[in-house]
Amino acid sequence: MALDLFAGIPVTDYNAALPWYEQLFGRQPSFLPNAVEAVWEVAEHRFIYIVQDPVRAGNALVLSFVDDLETRVAEITRRGIGPRKRETYEGGVTKVSYQDADGNEISFGGGPG
């Protein structure tokens, strides 16, 4: 059975948020379902999307674990976005968090080795 996962991030102003997310992900959206929603496929059958929803904006928490955390962080930094917070937990797992203009937290994590 195929399984698709969509994680939504509500934003106040879609047109203002879209360029920031293109910088964060390093590319344009994978598809645009409508005039106020953009979707990025971040892994096979795994999607993160933004949607204009001012009432809910600023409350999203999204975490993606990646194999290449340091490379990913360096690439995002080169594109002009710095992390808001970096945490290392017992056992060496690291979480690097970014925050959009609404206060939504988008994080990438990775383990040791």
PDB file of N, CA and C in Angstrom:
ATOM      1  N   MET A   1       0.837  -1.171   0.000  1.00  0.00           N
ATOM      2  CA  MET A   1       0.000   0.000   0.000  1.00  0.00           C
ATOM      3  C   MET A   1       0.888   1.243   0.000  1.00  0.00           C
ATOM      4  N   ALA A   2       0.655   2.126  -0.934  1.00  0.00           N
ATOM      5  CA  ALA A   2       1.402   3.381  -1.011  1.00  0.00           C
ATOM      6  C   ALA A   2       0.917   4.333   0.063  1.00  0.00           C
ATOM      7  N   LEU A   3       1.835   5.114   0.590  1.00  0.00           N
ATOM      8  CA  LEU A   3       1.498   6.078   1.631  1.00  0.00           C
ATOM      9  C   LEU A   3       2.176   7.393   1.299  1.00  0.00           C
ATOM     10  N   ASP A   4       1.404   8.455   1.200  1.00  0.00           N
ATOM     11  CA  ASP A   4       1.936   9.801   1.004  1.00  0.00           C
ATOM     12  C   ASP A   4       1.732  10.580   2.291  1.00  0.00           C
ATOM     13  N   LEU A   5       2.720  11.376   2.659  1.00  0.00           N
ATOM     14  CA  LEU A   5       2.631  12.203   3.856  1.00  0.00           C
ATOM     15  C   LEU A   5       2.769  13.659   3.444  1.00  0.00           C
ATOM     16  N   PHE A   6       1.822  14.486   3.889  1.00  0.00           N
ATOM     17  CA  PHE A   6       1.852  15.924   3.642  1.00  0.00           C
ATOM     18  C   PHE A   6       1.891  16.638   4.988  1.00  0.00           C
ATOM     19  N   ALA A   7       2.906  17.489   5.199  1.00  0.00           N
ATOM     20  CA  ALA A   7       3.010  18.306   6.406  1.00  0.00           C
ATOM     21  C   ALA A   7       2.748  19.750   6.001  1.00  0.00           C
ATOM     22  N   GLY A   8       1.735  20.362   6.606  1.00  0.00           N
ATOM     23  CA  GLY A   8       1.325  21.702   6.226  1.00  0.00           C
ATOM     24  C   GLY A   8       1.853  22.785   7.142  1.00  0.00           C
ATOM     25  N   ILE A   9       2.206  23.910   6.535  1.00  0.00           N
ATOM     26  CA  ILE A   9       2.694  25.076   7.269  1.00  0.00           C
ATOM     27  C   ILE A   9       1.808  26.262   6.879  1.00  0.00           C
ATOM     28  N   PRO A  10       0.948  26.719   7.794  1.00  0.00           N
ATOM     29  CA  PRO A  10       0.105  27.872   7.489  1.00  0.00           C
ATOM     30  C   PRO A  10       0.902  29.172   7.574  1.00  0.00           C
ATOM     31  N   VAL A  11       0.695  30.035   6.604  1.00  0.00           N
ATOM     32  CA  VAL A  11       1.382  31.327   6.559  1.00  0.00           C
ATOM     33  C   VAL A  11       0.352  32.450   6.432  1.00  0.00           C
ATOM     34  N   THR A  12       0.737  33.625   6.887  1.00  0.00           N
ATOM     35  CA  THR A  12      -0.159  34.783   6.816  1.00  0.00           C
ATOM     36  C   THR A  12      -0.330  35.258   5.381  1.00  0.00           C
ATOM     37  N   ASP A  13       0.785  35.382   4.654  1.00  0.00           N
ATOM     38  CA  ASP A  13       0.779  35.943   3.302  1.00  0.00           C
ATOM     39  C   ASP A  13       1.559  35.004   2.376  1.00  0.00           C
ATOM     40  N   TYR A  14       0.854  34.263   1.567  1.00  0.00           N
ATOM     41  CA  TYR A  14       1.466  33.284   0.673  1.00  0.00           C
ATOM     42  C   TYR A  14       2.538  33.913  -0.224  1.00  0.00           C
ATOM     43  N   ASN A  15       2.211  35.052  -0.848  1.00  0.00           N
ATOM     44  CA  ASN A  15       3.149  35.682  -1.792  1.00  0.00           C
ATOM     45  C   ASN A  15       4.430  36.154  -1.105  1.00  0.00           C
ATOM     46  N   ALA A  16       4.339  36.562   0.141  1.00  0.00           N
ATOM     47  CA  ALA A  16       5.532  36.976   0.883  1.00  0.00           C
ATOM     48  C   ALA A  16       6.328  35.764   1.363  1.00  0.00           C
ATOM     49  N   ALA A  17       5.649  34.683   1.728  1.00  0.00           N
ATOM     50  CA  ALA A  17       6.317  33.495   2.273  1.00  0.00           C
ATOM     51  C   ALA A  17       6.990  32.643   1.203  1.00  0.00           C
ATOM     52  N   LEU A  18       6.434  32.591   0.017  1.00  0.00           N
ATOM     53  CA  LEU A  18       6.939  31.704  -1.030  1.00  0.00           C
ATOM     54  C   LEU A  18       8.427  31.873  -1.318  1.00  0.00           C
ATOM     55  N   PRO A  19       8.960  33.086  -1.507  1.00  0.00           N
ATOM     56  CA  PRO A  19      10.404  33.219  -1.783  1.00  0.00           C
ATOM     57  C   PRO A  19      11.283  32.692  -0.649  1.00  0.00           C
ATOM     58  N   TRP A  20      10.871  32.871   0.601  1.00  0.00           N
ATOM     59  CA  TRP A  20      11.657  32.376   1.739  1.00  0.00           C
ATOM     60  C   TRP A  20      11.726  30.856   1.699  1.00  0.00           C
ATOM     61  N   TYR A  21      10.622  30.212   1.443  1.00  0.00           N
ATOM     62  CA  TYR A  21      10.612  28.745   1.391  1.00  0.00           C
ATOM     63  C   TYR A  21      11.382  28.222   0.171  1.00  0.00           C
ATOM     64  N   GLU A  22      11.342  28.942  -0.937  1.00  0.00           N
ATOM     65  CA  GLU A  22      12.166  28.552  -2.088  1.00  0.00           C
ATOM     66  C   GLU A  22      13.642  28.630  -1.722  1.00  0.00           C
ATOM     67  N   GLN A  23      14.026  29.644  -0.956  1.00  0.00           N
ATOM     68  CA  GLN A  23      15.414  29.745  -0.478  1.00  0.00           C
ATOM     69  C   GLN A  23      15.737  28.608   0.484  1.00  0.00           C
ATOM     70  N   LEU A  24      14.843  28.332   1.417  1.00  0.00           N
ATOM     71  CA  LEU A  24      15.073  27.279   2.402  1.00  0.00           C
ATOM     72  C   LEU A  24      15.270  25.931   1.711  1.00  0.00           C
ATOM     73  N   PHE A  25      14.382  25.589   0.789  1.00  0.00           N
ATOM     74  CA  PHE A  25      14.449  24.286   0.117  1.00  0.00           C
ATOM     75  C   PHE A  25      15.390  24.278  -1.089  1.00  0.00           C
ATOM     76  N   GLY A  26      15.826  25.459  -1.522  1.00  0.00           N
ATOM     77  CA  GLY A  26      16.782  25.535  -2.617  1.00  0.00           C
ATOM     78  C   GLY A  26      16.198  25.288  -3.993  1.00  0.00           C
ATOM     79  N   ARG A  27      14.896  25.417  -4.110  1.00  0.00           N
ATOM     80  CA  ARG A  27      14.257  25.203  -5.412  1.00  0.00           C
ATOM     81  C   ARG A  27      12.806  25.670  -5.377  1.00  0.00           C
ATOM     82  N   GLN A  28      12.236  25.747  -6.545  1.00  0.00           N
ATOM     83  CA  GLN A  28      10.825  26.095  -6.654  1.00  0.00           C
ATOM     84  C   GLN A  28       9.976  24.911  -6.185  1.00  0.00           C
ATOM     85  N   PRO A  29       8.711  25.162  -5.893  1.00  0.00           N
ATOM     86  CA  PRO A  29       7.837  24.077  -5.449  1.00  0.00           C
ATOM     87  C   PRO A  29       7.739  22.964  -6.493  1.00  0.00           C
ATOM     88  N   SER A  30       7.459  21.768  -6.010  1.00  0.00           N
ATOM     89  CA  SER A  30       7.237  20.620  -6.894  1.00  0.00           C
ATOM     90  C   SER A  30       5.935  20.785  -7.667  1.00  0.00           C
ATOM     91  N   PHE A  31       4.935  21.357  -7.004  1.00  0.00           N
ATOM     92  CA  PHE A  31       3.697  21.691  -7.695  1.00  0.00           C
ATOM     93  C   PHE A  31       2.911  22.730  -6.898  1.00  0.00           C
ATOM     94  N   LEU A  32       2.000  23.387  -7.606  1.00  0.00           N
ATOM     95  CA  LEU A  32       1.175  24.459  -7.041  1.00  0.00           C
ATOM     96  C   LEU A  32      -0.291  24.053  -7.196  1.00  0.00           C
ATOM     97  N   PRO A  33      -0.933  23.540  -6.150  1.00  0.00           N
ATOM     98  CA  PRO A  33      -2.313  23.074  -6.261  1.00  0.00           C
ATOM     99  C   PRO A  33      -3.327  24.180  -6.533  1.00  0.00           C
ATOM    100  N   ASN A  34      -3.030  25.379  -6.049  1.00  0.00           N
ATOM    101  CA  ASN A  34      -3.934  26.512  -6.240  1.00  0.00           C
ATOM    102  C   ASN A  34      -3.147  27.799  -6.020  1.00  0.00           C
ATOM    103  N   ALA A  35      -3.846  28.930  -5.997  1.00  0.00           N
ATOM    104  CA  ALA A  35      -3.176  30.232  -5.934  1.00  0.00           C
ATOM    105  C   ALA A  35      -2.586  30.584  -4.568  1.00  0.00           C
ATOM    106  N   VAL A  36      -2.879  29.794  -3.519  1.00  0.00           N
ATOM    107  CA  VAL A  36      -2.373  30.127  -2.179  1.00  0.00           C
ATOM    108  C   VAL A  36      -1.723  28.925  -1.497  1.00  0.00           C
ATOM    109  N   GLU A  37      -1.187  28.001  -2.310  1.00  0.00           N
ATOM    110  CA  GLU A  37      -0.579  26.798  -1.754  1.00  0.00           C
ATOM    111  C   GLU A  37       0.577  26.342  -2.653  1.00  0.00           C
ATOM    112  N   ALA A  38       1.699  25.972  -2.019  1.00  0.00           N
ATOM    113  CA  ALA A  38       2.868  25.471  -2.741  1.00  0.00           C
ATOM    114  C   ALA A  38       3.372  24.225  -2.020  1.00  0.00           C
ATOM    115  N   VAL A  39       3.781  23.217  -2.811  1.00  0.00           N
ATOM    116  CA  VAL A  39       4.159  21.923  -2.261  1.00  0.00           C
ATOM    117  C   VAL A  39       5.551  21.524  -2.745  1.00  0.00           C
ATOM    118  N   TRP A  40       6.400  21.082  -1.802  1.00  0.00           N
ATOM    119  CA  TRP A  40       7.729  20.559  -2.122  1.00  0.00           C
ATOM    120  C   TRP A  40       7.776  19.084  -1.754  1.00  0.00           C
ATOM    121  N   GLU A  41       8.211  18.243  -2.678  1.00  0.00           N
ATOM    122  CA  GLU A  41       8.447  16.842  -2.341  1.00  0.00           C
ATOM    123  C   GLU A  41       9.855  16.764  -1.769  1.00  0.00           C
ATOM    124  N   VAL A  42       9.969  16.440  -0.487  1.00  0.00           N
ATOM    125  CA  VAL A  42      11.259  16.431   0.197  1.00  0.00           C
ATOM    126  C   VAL A  42      11.886  15.044   0.222  1.00  0.00           C
ATOM    127  N   ALA A  43      11.107  14.025  -0.043  1.00  0.00           N
ATOM    128  CA  ALA A  43      11.547  12.637  -0.211  1.00  0.00           C
ATOM    129  C   ALA A  43      10.404  11.930  -0.922  1.00  0.00           C
ATOM    130  N   GLU A  44      10.656  10.751  -1.415  1.00  0.00           N
ATOM    131  CA  GLU A  44       9.621  10.048  -2.156  1.00  0.00           C
ATOM    132  C   GLU A  44       8.357   9.896  -1.303  1.00  0.00           C
ATOM    133  N   HIS A  45       7.270  10.422  -1.816  1.00  0.00           N
ATOM    134  CA  HIS A  45       5.961  10.372  -1.156  1.00  0.00           C
ATOM    135  C   HIS A  45       5.905  11.156   0.156  1.00  0.00           C
ATOM    136  N   ARG A  46       6.830  12.104   0.352  1.00  0.00           N
ATOM    137  CA  ARG A  46       6.867  12.922   1.562  1.00  0.00           C
ATOM    138  C   ARG A  46       6.909  14.387   1.126  1.00  0.00           C
ATOM    139  N   PHE A  47       5.914  15.145   1.547  1.00  0.00           N
ATOM    140  CA  PHE A  47       5.741  16.509   1.063  1.00  0.00           C
ATOM    141  C   PHE A  47       5.606  17.496   2.224  1.00  0.00           C
ATOM    142  N   ILE A  48       6.143  18.701   2.018  1.00  0.00           N
ATOM    143  CA  ILE A  48       5.920  19.824   2.918  1.00  0.00           C
ATOM    144  C   ILE A  48       5.264  20.914   2.075  1.00  0.00           C
ATOM    145  N   TYR A  49       4.203  21.493   2.626  1.00  0.00           N
ATOM    146  CA  TYR A  49       3.527  22.541   1.865  1.00  0.00           C
ATOM    147  C   TYR A  49       3.248  23.754   2.731  1.00  0.00           C
ATOM    148  N   ILE A  50       3.193  24.903   2.066  1.00  0.00           N
ATOM    149  CA  ILE A  50       2.729  26.125   2.717  1.00  0.00           C
ATOM    150  C   ILE A  50       1.355  26.439   2.151  1.00  0.00           C
ATOM    151  N   VAL A  51       0.535  27.030   3.002  1.00  0.00           N
ATOM    152  CA  VAL A  51      -0.806  27.425   2.575  1.00  0.00           C
ATOM    153  C   VAL A  51      -1.179  28.713   3.303  1.00  0.00           C
ATOM    154  N   GLN A  52      -1.775  29.636   2.579  1.00  0.00           N
ATOM    155  CA  GLN A  52      -2.208  30.884   3.203  1.00  0.00           C
ATOM    156  C   GLN A  52      -3.373  30.580   4.136  1.00  0.00           C
ATOM    157  N   ASP A  53      -3.160  30.811   5.417  1.00  0.00           N
ATOM    158  CA  ASP A  53      -4.165  30.558   6.449  1.00  0.00           C
ATOM    159  C   ASP A  53      -3.792  31.429   7.655  1.00  0.00           C
ATOM    160  N   PRO A  54      -4.105  32.728   7.593  1.00  0.00           N
ATOM    161  CA  PRO A  54      -3.676  33.668   8.630  1.00  0.00           C
ATOM    162  C   PRO A  54      -4.088  33.287  10.050  1.00  0.00           C
ATOM    163  N   VAL A  55      -5.212  32.646  10.216  1.00  0.00           N
ATOM    164  CA  VAL A  55      -5.686  32.283  11.554  1.00  0.00           C
ATOM    165  C   VAL A  55      -4.748  31.268  12.209  1.00  0.00           C
ATOM    166  N   ARG A  56      -4.217  30.347  11.432  1.00  0.00           N
ATOM    167  CA  ARG A  56      -3.341  29.291  11.959  1.00  0.00           C
ATOM    168  C   ARG A  56      -1.855  29.613  11.845  1.00  0.00           C
ATOM    169  N   ALA A  57      -1.495  30.653  11.132  1.00  0.00           N
ATOM    170  CA  ALA A  57      -0.086  30.956  10.847  1.00  0.00           C
ATOM    171  C   ALA A  57       0.734  31.115  12.119  1.00  0.00           C
ATOM    172  N   GLY A  58       1.967  30.612  12.056  1.00  0.00           N
ATOM    173  CA  GLY A  58       2.918  30.786  13.142  1.00  0.00           C
ATOM    174  C   GLY A  58       2.975  29.657  14.141  1.00  0.00           C
ATOM    175  N   ASN A  59       2.184  28.623  13.960  1.00  0.00           N
ATOM    176  CA  ASN A  59       2.110  27.546  14.938  1.00  0.00           C
ATOM    177  C   ASN A  59       2.660  26.205  14.457  1.00  0.00           C
ATOM    178  N   ALA A  60       3.215  26.149  13.259  1.00  0.00           N
ATOM    179  CA  ALA A  60       3.696  24.874  12.718  1.00  0.00           C
ATOM    180  C   ALA A  60       5.045  24.480  13.315  1.00  0.00           C
ATOM    181  N   LEU A  61       5.214  23.179  13.497  1.00  0.00           N
ATOM    182  CA  LEU A  61       6.482  22.568  13.899  1.00  0.00           C
ATOM    183  C   LEU A  61       6.721  21.410  12.946  1.00  0.00           C
ATOM    184  N   VAL A  62       7.758  21.512  12.116  1.00  0.00           N
ATOM    185  CA  VAL A  62       8.071  20.468  11.145  1.00  0.00           C
ATOM    186  C   VAL A  62       9.526  20.077  11.322  1.00  0.00           C
ATOM    187  N   LEU A  63       9.783  18.772  11.423  1.00  0.00           N
ATOM    188  CA  LEU A  63      11.148  18.260  11.587  1.00  0.00           C
ATOM    189  C   LEU A  63      11.369  17.154  10.569  1.00  0.00           C
ATOM    190  N   SER A  64      12.434  17.286   9.785  1.00  0.00           N
ATOM    191  CA  SER A  64      12.832  16.257   8.821  1.00  0.00           C
ATOM    192  C   SER A  64      14.230  15.779   9.173  1.00  0.00           C
ATOM    193  N   PHE A  65      14.393  14.470   9.333  1.00  0.00           N
ATOM    194  CA  PHE A  65      15.729  13.925   9.540  1.00  0.00           C
ATOM    195  C   PHE A  65      16.364  13.682   8.186  1.00  0.00           C
ATOM    196  N   VAL A  66      17.637  14.074   8.053  1.00  0.00           N
ATOM    197  CA  VAL A  66      18.368  13.941   6.795  1.00  0.00           C
ATOM    198  C   VAL A  66      19.704  13.257   7.055  1.00  0.00           C
ATOM    199  N   ASP A  67      20.237  12.608   6.030  1.00  0.00           N
ATOM    200  CA  ASP A  67      21.530  11.932   6.147  1.00  0.00           C
ATOM    201  C   ASP A  67      22.692  12.914   6.142  1.00  0.00           C
ATOM    202  N   ASP A  68      22.487  14.051   5.530  1.00  0.00           N
ATOM    203  CA  ASP A  68      23.563  15.010   5.263  1.00  0.00           C
ATOM    204  C   ASP A  68      23.312  16.341   5.969  1.00  0.00           C
ATOM    205  N   LEU A  69      23.103  16.319   7.273  1.00  0.00           N
ATOM    206  CA  LEU A  69      22.692  17.523   8.005  1.00  0.00           C
ATOM    207  C   LEU A  69      23.644  18.693   7.801  1.00  0.00           C
ATOM    208  N   GLU A  70      24.935  18.484   7.987  1.00  0.00           N
ATOM    209  CA  GLU A  70      25.881  19.602   7.880  1.00  0.00           C
ATOM    210  C   GLU A  70      25.922  20.179   6.467  1.00  0.00           C
ATOM    211  N   THR A  71      25.832  19.332   5.476  1.00  0.00           N
ATOM    212  CA  THR A  71      25.780  19.809   4.087  1.00  0.00           C
ATOM    213  C   THR A  71      24.519  20.618   3.855  1.00  0.00           C
ATOM    214  N   ARG A  72      23.397  20.127   4.353  1.00  0.00           N
ATOM    215  CA  ARG A  72      22.115  20.819   4.203  1.00  0.00           C
ATOM    216  C   ARG A  72      22.160  22.190   4.860  1.00  0.00           C
ATOM    217  N   VAL A  73      22.685  22.275   6.074  1.00  0.00           N
ATOM    218  CA  VAL A  73      22.778  23.551   6.801  1.00  0.00           C
ATOM    219  C   VAL A  73      23.686  24.524   6.048  1.00  0.00           C
ATOM    220  N   ALA A  74      24.813  24.041   5.546  1.00  0.00           N
ATOM    221  CA  ALA A  74      25.742  24.897   4.796  1.00  0.00           C
ATOM    222  C   ALA A  74      25.086  25.438   3.526  1.00  0.00           C
ATOM    223  N   GLU A  75      24.326  24.595   2.827  1.00  0.00           N
ATOM    224  CA  GLU A  75      23.650  25.034   1.605  1.00  0.00           C
ATOM    225  C   GLU A  75      22.602  26.097   1.909  1.00  0.00           C
ATOM    226  N   ILE A  76      21.826  25.896   2.964  1.00  0.00           N
ATOM    227  CA  ILE A  76      20.806  26.882   3.343  1.00  0.00           C
ATOM    228  C   ILE A  76      21.470  28.201   3.736  1.00  0.00           C
ATOM    229  N   THR A  77      22.570  28.129   4.455  1.00  0.00           N
ATOM    230  CA  THR A  77      23.307  29.334   4.846  1.00  0.00           C
ATOM    231  C   THR A  77      23.810  30.073   3.610  1.00  0.00           C
ATOM    232  N   ARG A  78      24.339  29.342   2.633  1.00  0.00           N
ATOM    233  CA  ARG A  78      24.807  29.972   1.384  1.00  0.00           C
ATOM    234  C   ARG A  78      23.671  30.665   0.636  1.00  0.00           C
ATOM    235  N   ARG A  79      22.461  30.175   0.823  1.00  0.00           N
ATOM    236  CA  ARG A  79      21.304  30.794   0.166  1.00  0.00           C
ATOM    237  C   ARG A  79      20.752  31.972   0.960  1.00  0.00           C
ATOM    238  N   GLY A  80      21.395  32.291   2.105  1.00  0.00           N
ATOM    239  CA  GLY A  80      21.041  33.499   2.832  1.00  0.00           C
ATOM    240  C   GLY A  80      20.129  33.331   4.033  1.00  0.00           C
ATOM    241  N   ILE A  81      19.903  32.109   4.478  1.00  0.00           N
ATOM    242  CA  ILE A  81      19.061  31.885   5.654  1.00  0.00           C
ATOM    243  C   ILE A  81      19.905  31.220   6.735  1.00  0.00           C
ATOM    244  N   GLY A  82      19.984  31.869   7.875  1.00  0.00           N
ATOM    245  CA  GLY A  82      20.727  31.301   8.997  1.00  0.00           C
ATOM    246  C   GLY A  82      19.803  30.585   9.958  1.00  0.00           C
ATOM    247  N   PRO A  83      20.315  29.574  10.642  1.00  0.00           N
ATOM    248  CA  PRO A  83      19.478  28.870  11.613  1.00  0.00           C
ATOM    249  C   PRO A  83      19.140  29.760  12.805  1.00  0.00           C
ATOM    250  N   ARG A  84      17.977  29.539  13.376  1.00  0.00           N
ATOM    251  CA  ARG A  84      17.554  30.240  14.583  1.00  0.00           C
ATOM    252  C   ARG A  84      18.133  29.572  15.813  1.00  0.00           C
ATOM    253  N   LYS A  85      18.234  28.234  15.759  1.00  0.00           N
ATOM    254  CA  LYS A  85      18.706  27.498  16.926  1.00  0.00           C
ATOM    255  C   LYS A  85      19.341  26.185  16.470  1.00  0.00           C
ATOM    256  N   ARG A  86      20.362  25.779  17.219  1.00  0.00           N
ATOM    257  CA  ARG A  86      21.025  24.495  16.980  1.00  0.00           C
ATOM    258  C   ARG A  86      21.123  23.784  18.322  1.00  0.00           C
ATOM    259  N   GLU A  87      20.634  22.554  18.381  1.00  0.00           N
ATOM    260  CA  GLU A  87      20.654  21.783  19.616  1.00  0.00           C
ATOM    261  C   GLU A  87      21.282  20.418  19.352  1.00  0.00           C
ATOM    262  N   THR A  88      22.107  19.955  20.286  1.00  0.00           N
ATOM    263  CA  THR A  88      22.657  18.611  20.208  1.00  0.00           C
ATOM    264  C   THR A  88      22.213  17.867  21.459  1.00  0.00           C
ATOM    265  N   TYR A  89      21.630  16.722  21.236  1.00  0.00           N
ATOM    266  CA  TYR A  89      21.057  15.933  22.322  1.00  0.00           C
ATOM    267  C   TYR A  89      21.982  14.789  22.705  1.00  0.00           C
ATOM    268  N   GLU A  90      21.682  14.184  23.823  1.00  0.00           N
ATOM    269  CA  GLU A  90      22.432  13.021  24.284  1.00  0.00           C
ATOM    270  C   GLU A  90      22.454  11.979  23.165  1.00  0.00           C
ATOM    271  N   GLY A  91      23.596  11.405  22.944  1.00  0.00           N
ATOM    272  CA  GLY A  91      23.736  10.433  21.862  1.00  0.00           C
ATOM    273  C   GLY A  91      24.187  11.050  20.554  1.00  0.00           C
ATOM    274  N   GLY A  92      24.300  12.385  20.519  1.00  0.00           N
ATOM    275  CA  GLY A  92      24.839  13.039  19.345  1.00  0.00           C
ATOM    276  C   GLY A  92      23.847  13.455  18.283  1.00  0.00           C
ATOM    277  N   VAL A  93      22.554  13.282  18.515  1.00  0.00           N
ATOM    278  CA  VAL A  93      21.560  13.736  17.545  1.00  0.00           C
ATOM    279  C   VAL A  93      21.516  15.259  17.578  1.00  0.00           C
ATOM    280  N   THR A  94      21.534  15.870  16.398  1.00  0.00           N
ATOM    281  CA  THR A  94      21.523  17.329  16.276  1.00  0.00           C
ATOM    282  C   THR A  94      20.256  17.775  15.566  1.00  0.00           C
ATOM    283  N   LYS A  95      19.705  18.885  16.029  1.00  0.00           N
ATOM    284  CA  LYS A  95      18.523  19.506  15.420  1.00  0.00           C
ATOM    285  C   LYS A  95      18.860  20.963  15.125  1.00  0.00           C
ATOM    286  N   VAL A  96      18.667  21.375  13.877  1.00  0.00           N
ATOM    287  CA  VAL A  96      18.914  22.748  13.454  1.00  0.00           C
ATOM    288  C   VAL A  96      17.578  23.335  13.016  1.00  0.00           C
ATOM    289  N   SER A  97      17.178  24.444  13.651  1.00  0.00           N
ATOM    290  CA  SER A  97      15.849  25.017  13.431  1.00  0.00           C
ATOM    291  C   SER A  97      15.924  26.361  12.712  1.00  0.00           C
ATOM    292  N   TYR A  98      14.953  26.561  11.836  1.00  0.00           N
ATOM    293  CA  TYR A  98      14.779  27.811  11.095  1.00  0.00           C
ATOM    294  C   TYR A  98      13.393  28.332  11.415  1.00  0.00           C
ATOM    295  N   GLN A  99      13.233  29.650  11.315  1.00  0.00           N
ATOM    296  CA  GLN A  99      11.940  30.246  11.626  1.00  0.00           C
ATOM    297  C   GLN A  99      11.537  31.200  10.516  1.00  0.00           C
ATOM    298  N   ASP A 100      10.330  31.010   9.995  1.00  0.00           N
ATOM    299  CA  ASP A 100       9.854  31.918   8.960  1.00  0.00           C
ATOM    300  C   ASP A 100       9.313  33.200   9.580  1.00  0.00           C
ATOM    301  N   ALA A 101       8.854  34.128   8.762  1.00  0.00           N
ATOM    302  CA  ALA A 101       8.390  35.433   9.241  1.00  0.00           C
ATOM    303  C   ALA A 101       7.177  35.337  10.161  1.00  0.00           C
ATOM    304  N   ASP A 102       6.404  34.263  10.043  1.00  0.00           N
ATOM    305  CA  ASP A 102       5.229  34.075  10.897  1.00  0.00           C
ATOM    306  C   ASP A 102       5.558  33.418  12.227  1.00  0.00           C
ATOM    307  N   GLY A 103       6.765  32.848  12.347  1.00  0.00           N
ATOM    308  CA  GLY A 103       7.142  32.143  13.564  1.00  0.00           C
ATOM    309  C   GLY A 103       7.059  30.633  13.456  1.00  0.00           C
ATOM    310  N   ASN A 104       6.701  30.109  12.288  1.00  0.00           N
ATOM    311  CA  ASN A 104       6.696  28.659  12.084  1.00  0.00           C
ATOM    312  C   ASN A 104       8.115  28.132  12.203  1.00  0.00           C
ATOM    313  N   GLU A 105       8.271  26.966  12.822  1.00  0.00           N
ATOM    314  CA  GLU A 105       9.592  26.359  12.998  1.00  0.00           C
ATOM    315  C   GLU A 105       9.755  25.179  12.050  1.00  0.00           C
ATOM    316  N   ILE A 106      10.776  25.273  11.200  1.00  0.00           N
ATOM    317  CA  ILE A 106      11.114  24.198  10.270  1.00  0.00           C
ATOM    318  C   ILE A 106      12.518  23.736  10.658  1.00  0.00           C
ATOM    319  N   SER A 107      12.652  22.450  10.992  1.00  0.00           N
ATOM    320  CA  SER A 107      13.907  21.935  11.500  1.00  0.00           C
ATOM    321  C   SER A 107      14.398  20.756  10.683  1.00  0.00           C
ATOM    322  N   PHE A 108      15.718  20.600  10.715  1.00  0.00           N
ATOM    323  CA  PHE A 108      16.374  19.430  10.115  1.00  0.00           C
ATOM    324  C   PHE A 108      17.185  18.776  11.208  1.00  0.00           C
ATOM    325  N   GLY A 109      17.152  17.464  11.235  1.00  0.00           N
ATOM    326  CA  GLY A 109      17.894  16.733  12.247  1.00  0.00           C
ATOM    327  C   GLY A 109      18.768  15.660  11.617  1.00  0.00           C
ATOM    328  N   GLY A 110      19.757  15.241  12.385  1.00  0.00           N
ATOM    329  CA  GLY A 110      20.638  14.185  11.920  1.00  0.00           C
ATOM    330  C   GLY A 110      21.359  13.549  13.092  1.00  0.00           C
ATOM    331  N   GLY A 111      21.719  12.312  12.902  1.00  0.00           N
ATOM    332  CA  GLY A 111      22.415  11.576  13.956  1.00  0.00           C
ATOM    333  C   GLY A 111      23.914  11.570  13.756  1.00  0.00           C
ATOM    334  N   PRO A 112      24.615  11.048  14.729  1.00  0.00           N
ATOM    335  CA  PRO A 112      26.077  10.965  14.629  1.00  0.00           C
ATOM    336  C   PRO A 112      26.489   9.965  13.555  1.00  0.00           C
ATOM    337  N   GLY A 113      27.646  10.242  12.961  1.00  0.00           N
ATOM    338  CA  GLY A 113      28.255   9.317  12.007  1.00  0.00           C
ATOM    339  C   GLY A 113      27.484   9.201  10.781  1.00  0.00           C
TER     340      GLY A 113
END
